[in-house]
Amino acid sequence: MTVPGTIPMPLLTVLARGGSPGDKAADVICRLVLEGAALGELQDVIITVAGEPRVIKMMPQLWLDRLNLAVERGAMERMETPRIVERLLLPPEMA
């Protein structure tokens, strides 16, 4: 697992490179946030803005780590976006 709040390097590389795999990875991230919010799975994180604490919602680092693994294994080229999201949202014991 990487440092919370960071994007693992292979995933970051795919996003930066763009093209079809990068677009799909960005789409997966957006869908993870939307579906995760609907499921109540986003995490509350306290940040400081202009000296004041604020609570924001954030996707679990586990999802980014799993997406990174999916990128490394070629899922962006082999699988459809809804299926990737479905797999990433599985509980750890089922993944």
C-alpha atoms as a PDB file:
ATOM      1  CA  MET A   1       0.000   0.000   0.000  1.00  0.00           C
ATOM      2  CA  THR A   2       1.221   3.496  -0.814  1.00  0.00           C
ATOM      3  CA  VAL A   3       1.128   6.636   1.315  1.00  0.00           C
ATOM      4  CA  PRO A   4      -2.532   7.661   1.795  1.00  0.00           C
ATOM      5  CA  GLY A   5      -3.631  10.346  -0.638  1.00  0.00           C
ATOM      6  CA  THR A   6      -1.051   9.545  -3.306  1.00  0.00           C
ATOM      7  CA  ILE A   7      -1.444   8.131  -6.785  1.00  0.00           C
ATOM      8  CA  PRO A   8       0.860   5.137  -7.422  1.00  0.00           C
ATOM      9  CA  MET A   9       3.409   5.706 -10.216  1.00  0.00           C
ATOM     10  CA  PRO A  10       2.126   3.236 -12.877  1.00  0.00           C
ATOM     11  CA  LEU A  11      -1.379   4.697 -12.570  1.00  0.00           C
ATOM     12  CA  LEU A  12      -0.030   8.249 -12.668  1.00  0.00           C
ATOM     13  CA  THR A  13       2.009   7.388 -15.775  1.00  0.00           C
ATOM     14  CA  VAL A  14      -1.062   6.009 -17.585  1.00  0.00           C
ATOM     15  CA  LEU A  15      -3.102   9.083 -16.660  1.00  0.00           C
ATOM     16  CA  ALA A  16      -0.342  11.447 -17.800  1.00  0.00           C
ATOM     17  CA  ARG A  17       0.213   9.575 -21.067  1.00  0.00           C
ATOM     18  CA  GLY A  18      -3.469   9.911 -21.972  1.00  0.00           C
ATOM     19  CA  GLY A  19      -4.910   8.066 -24.930  1.00  0.00           C
ATOM     20  CA  SER A  20      -7.441   5.286 -24.530  1.00  0.00           C
ATOM     21  CA  PRO A  21      -5.877   3.653 -21.410  1.00  0.00           C
ATOM     22  CA  GLY A  22      -5.488   7.046 -19.694  1.00  0.00           C
ATOM     23  CA  ASP A  23      -9.035   8.069 -20.543  1.00  0.00           C
ATOM     24  CA  LYS A  24     -10.342   4.757 -19.226  1.00  0.00           C
ATOM     25  CA  ALA A  25      -8.343   5.069 -15.991  1.00  0.00           C
ATOM     26  CA  ALA A  26      -9.742   8.597 -15.467  1.00  0.00           C
ATOM     27  CA  ASP A  27     -13.254   7.313 -16.167  1.00  0.00           C
ATOM     28  CA  VAL A  28     -12.758   4.483 -13.664  1.00  0.00           C
ATOM     29  CA  ILE A  29     -11.657   6.990 -11.008  1.00  0.00           C
ATOM     30  CA  CYS A  30     -14.731   9.162 -11.635  1.00  0.00           C
ATOM     31  CA  ARG A  31     -17.056   6.162 -11.475  1.00  0.00           C
ATOM     32  CA  LEU A  32     -15.373   4.905  -8.298  1.00  0.00           C
ATOM     33  CA  VAL A  33     -16.035   8.242  -6.615  1.00  0.00           C
ATOM     34  CA  LEU A  34     -19.665   8.374  -7.779  1.00  0.00           C
ATOM     35  CA  GLU A  35     -20.459   4.777  -6.873  1.00  0.00           C
ATOM     36  CA  GLY A  36     -18.424   4.921  -3.668  1.00  0.00           C
ATOM     37  CA  ALA A  37     -20.330   8.029  -2.579  1.00  0.00           C
ATOM     38  CA  ALA A  38     -23.656   6.336  -3.325  1.00  0.00           C
ATOM     39  CA  LEU A  39     -22.549   3.369  -1.207  1.00  0.00           C
ATOM     40  CA  GLY A  40     -21.308   5.622   1.616  1.00  0.00           C
ATOM     41  CA  GLU A  41     -17.784   4.263   1.173  1.00  0.00           C
ATOM     42  CA  LEU A  42     -15.870   7.541   0.824  1.00  0.00           C
ATOM     43  CA  GLN A  43     -13.694   8.464   3.797  1.00  0.00           C
ATOM     44  CA  ASP A  44     -13.946  11.675   5.808  1.00  0.00           C
ATOM     45  CA  VAL A  45     -10.600  13.476   5.891  1.00  0.00           C
ATOM     46  CA  ILE A  46      -9.889  16.671   7.812  1.00  0.00           C
ATOM     47  CA  ILE A  47      -7.811  19.262   5.978  1.00  0.00           C
ATOM     48  CA  THR A  48      -6.899  22.832   6.885  1.00  0.00           C
ATOM     49  CA  VAL A  49      -7.965  25.621   4.535  1.00  0.00           C
ATOM     50  CA  ALA A  50      -6.984  29.196   5.414  1.00  0.00           C
ATOM     51  CA  GLY A  51      -6.279  28.056   8.965  1.00  0.00           C
ATOM     52  CA  GLU A  52      -9.706  26.449   9.382  1.00  0.00           C
ATOM     53  CA  PRO A  53     -10.334  22.696   9.548  1.00  0.00           C
ATOM     54  CA  ARG A  54     -12.631  21.272   6.875  1.00  0.00           C
ATOM     55  CA  VAL A  55     -13.968  17.782   6.349  1.00  0.00           C
ATOM     56  CA  ILE A  56     -13.730  16.488   2.791  1.00  0.00           C
ATOM     57  CA  LYS A  57     -14.645  13.155   1.249  1.00  0.00           C
ATOM     58  CA  MET A  58     -11.879  11.052  -0.251  1.00  0.00           C
ATOM     59  CA  MET A  59     -11.750   7.684  -1.970  1.00  0.00           C
ATOM     60  CA  PRO A  60      -9.991   4.994   0.059  1.00  0.00           C
ATOM     61  CA  GLN A  61      -6.321   4.550  -0.832  1.00  0.00           C
ATOM     62  CA  LEU A  62      -7.068   0.840  -1.275  1.00  0.00           C
ATOM     63  CA  TRP A  63      -9.081   1.669  -4.403  1.00  0.00           C
ATOM     64  CA  LEU A  64      -6.175   3.595  -5.942  1.00  0.00           C
ATOM     65  CA  ASP A  65      -3.816   0.770  -5.045  1.00  0.00           C
ATOM     66  CA  ARG A  66      -6.167  -1.759  -6.658  1.00  0.00           C
ATOM     67  CA  LEU A  67      -6.577   0.433  -9.740  1.00  0.00           C
ATOM     68  CA  ASN A  68      -2.802   0.665  -9.963  1.00  0.00           C
ATOM     69  CA  LEU A  69      -2.599  -3.132  -9.897  1.00  0.00           C
ATOM     70  CA  ALA A  70      -5.282  -3.303 -12.597  1.00  0.00           C
ATOM     71  CA  VAL A  71      -3.206  -0.930 -14.749  1.00  0.00           C
ATOM     72  CA  GLU A  72      -0.092  -3.045 -14.209  1.00  0.00           C
ATOM     73  CA  ARG A  73      -2.005  -6.170 -15.227  1.00  0.00           C
ATOM     74  CA  GLY A  74      -3.401  -4.615 -18.421  1.00  0.00           C
ATOM     75  CA  ALA A  75      -7.041  -4.310 -17.347  1.00  0.00           C
ATOM     76  CA  MET A  76      -7.426  -0.963 -19.147  1.00  0.00           C
ATOM     77  CA  GLU A  77      -6.914  -2.775 -22.439  1.00  0.00           C
ATOM     78  CA  ARG A  78      -8.822  -5.979 -21.601  1.00  0.00           C
ATOM     79  CA  MET A  79     -11.848  -4.977 -19.531  1.00  0.00           C
ATOM     80  CA  GLU A  80     -14.783  -2.609 -19.806  1.00  0.00           C
ATOM     81  CA  THR A  81     -14.976   0.279 -17.346  1.00  0.00           C
ATOM     82  CA  PRO A  82     -18.071  -0.952 -15.420  1.00  0.00           C
ATOM     83  CA  ARG A  83     -16.423  -4.338 -14.827  1.00  0.00           C
ATOM     84  CA  ILE A  84     -13.207  -2.742 -13.585  1.00  0.00           C
ATOM     85  CA  VAL A  85     -15.178  -0.551 -11.163  1.00  0.00           C
ATOM     86  CA  GLU A  86     -17.204  -3.535  -9.982  1.00  0.00           C
ATOM     87  CA  ARG A  87     -14.034  -5.494  -9.228  1.00  0.00           C
ATOM     88  CA  LEU A  88     -12.347  -2.570  -7.459  1.00  0.00           C
ATOM     89  CA  LEU A  89     -15.345  -2.064  -5.158  1.00  0.00           C
ATOM     90  CA  LEU A  90     -15.391  -5.664  -3.948  1.00  0.00           C
ATOM     91  CA  PRO A  91     -14.592  -6.100  -0.255  1.00  0.00           C
ATOM     92  CA  PRO A  92     -10.907  -7.088   0.301  1.00  0.00           C
ATOM     93  CA  GLU A  93     -11.803 -10.663   1.239  1.00  0.00           C
ATOM     94  CA  MET A  94     -13.650 -11.129  -2.082  1.00  0.00           C
ATOM     95  CA  ALA A  95     -11.152  -9.414  -4.409  1.00  0.00           C
END
